[in-house]
Every structure is written in C-alpha cells, then in structure tokens.
Amino acid sequence: MSPTSRLAAAGEWLEAHPIAYFLALVAAPVTAKVAVAALTGGGLREAVESGLVFGVVFAAVTLALRRYVGQ
C-alpha cells in the first residue's frame, strides 16, 4: 500500500467516525499552541486553554460546513 493510499484510507476512516474526526481537528491547534508556548517559554496552561477553545470552534465550524456543503 502506497503512502498516498494509506493517507486516503485514514482520511476516509476519520470521516466515517465523526467523533474521532472532531477530536483530530481539536488536537491539531492544541498541539501547535502548546509547542509554541514550550519553545517560547510561555504559559502552558494558557496555551492549552486557548488551543482547546480554538480547536473546538474550528472543529465545529469545519464539520458544520462539511455537512452543509455535503462533502
């Protein structure tokens, strides 16, 4: 199985499992915010909190738009 087909299969699996898809969408901004805070010496708690807020809003809007557009 080529890397491209594995990636496509993973994407299809995530789209078939909305809760896992939602969690994956939330995890990306949280991870990015925490990584930046760790590298710059910022507050990790604030990074997690703001990352979670952004991630939940981002995931909710993404899933709502996907459902509205029909993809």
Protein backbone atom coordinates (compact mmCIF):
# COMPACT_ATOMS: atom_id res chain seq x y z
CA MET A 1 0.00 0.00 0.00
CA SER A 2 1.49 3.32 -1.04
CA PRO A 3 1.75 6.26 1.41
CA THR A 4 -0.83 8.18 -0.62
CA SER A 5 -3.39 5.40 -0.46
CA ARG A 6 -2.73 4.93 3.28
CA LEU A 7 -3.34 8.62 3.83
CA ALA A 8 -6.55 8.47 1.79
CA ALA A 9 -7.71 5.43 3.75
CA ALA A 10 -7.00 7.22 7.05
CA GLY A 11 -8.95 10.25 5.85
CA GLU A 12 -11.90 8.10 4.84
CA TRP A 13 -11.82 6.32 8.21
CA LEU A 14 -11.83 9.65 10.08
CA GLU A 15 -14.73 10.94 8.01
CA ALA A 16 -16.67 7.74 8.77
CA HIS A 17 -16.10 8.26 12.51
CA PRO A 18 -17.23 11.82 13.34
CA ILE A 19 -16.13 11.78 16.98
CA ALA A 20 -12.58 10.73 16.07
CA TYR A 21 -12.61 13.33 13.26
CA PHE A 22 -13.74 16.02 15.72
CA LEU A 23 -11.01 15.05 18.20
CA ALA A 24 -8.36 15.06 15.48
CA LEU A 25 -9.45 18.55 14.43
CA VAL A 26 -9.30 19.74 18.04
CA ALA A 27 -5.91 18.14 18.72
CA ALA A 28 -4.08 19.97 15.92
CA PRO A 29 -4.45 23.54 17.25
CA VAL A 30 -3.88 22.43 20.86
CA THR A 31 -0.65 20.71 19.89
CA ALA A 32 0.52 23.71 17.90
CA LYS A 33 -0.26 26.20 20.68
CA VAL A 34 1.45 24.05 23.33
CA ALA A 35 4.52 23.55 21.11
CA VAL A 36 4.87 27.30 20.54
CA ALA A 37 4.39 28.02 24.24
CA ALA A 38 7.01 25.42 25.16
CA LEU A 39 9.51 26.79 22.66
CA THR A 40 9.00 30.42 23.62
CA GLY A 41 8.74 29.89 27.37
CA GLY A 42 5.08 30.88 27.51
CA GLY A 43 2.44 29.59 29.86
CA LEU A 44 1.42 26.03 29.01
CA ARG A 45 -1.90 26.24 30.82
CA GLU A 46 -2.98 29.29 28.82
CA ALA A 47 -1.79 27.60 25.62
CA VAL A 48 -3.88 24.51 26.34
CA GLU A 49 -6.94 26.57 27.23
CA SER A 50 -6.79 28.82 24.19
CA GLY A 51 -5.88 25.86 21.96
CA LEU A 52 -8.92 23.95 23.18
CA VAL A 53 -11.24 26.88 22.61
CA PHE A 54 -9.85 27.49 19.13
CA GLY A 55 -9.82 23.76 18.36
CA VAL A 56 -13.43 23.18 19.39
CA VAL A 57 -14.65 26.19 17.40
CA PHE A 58 -12.52 25.17 14.40
CA ALA A 59 -13.77 21.57 14.53
CA ALA A 60 -17.41 22.57 14.95
CA VAL A 61 -17.30 25.04 12.07
CA THR A 62 -15.42 22.59 9.84
CA LEU A 63 -17.88 19.77 10.46
CA ALA A 64 -20.89 22.07 10.07
CA LEU A 65 -19.57 23.41 6.76
CA ARG A 66 -18.81 19.89 5.51
CA ARG A 67 -22.34 18.81 6.37
CA TYR A 68 -23.85 21.96 4.81
CA VAL A 69 -21.83 21.67 1.62
CA GLY A 70 -22.45 17.93 1.53
CA GLN A 71 -18.90 16.59 1.46
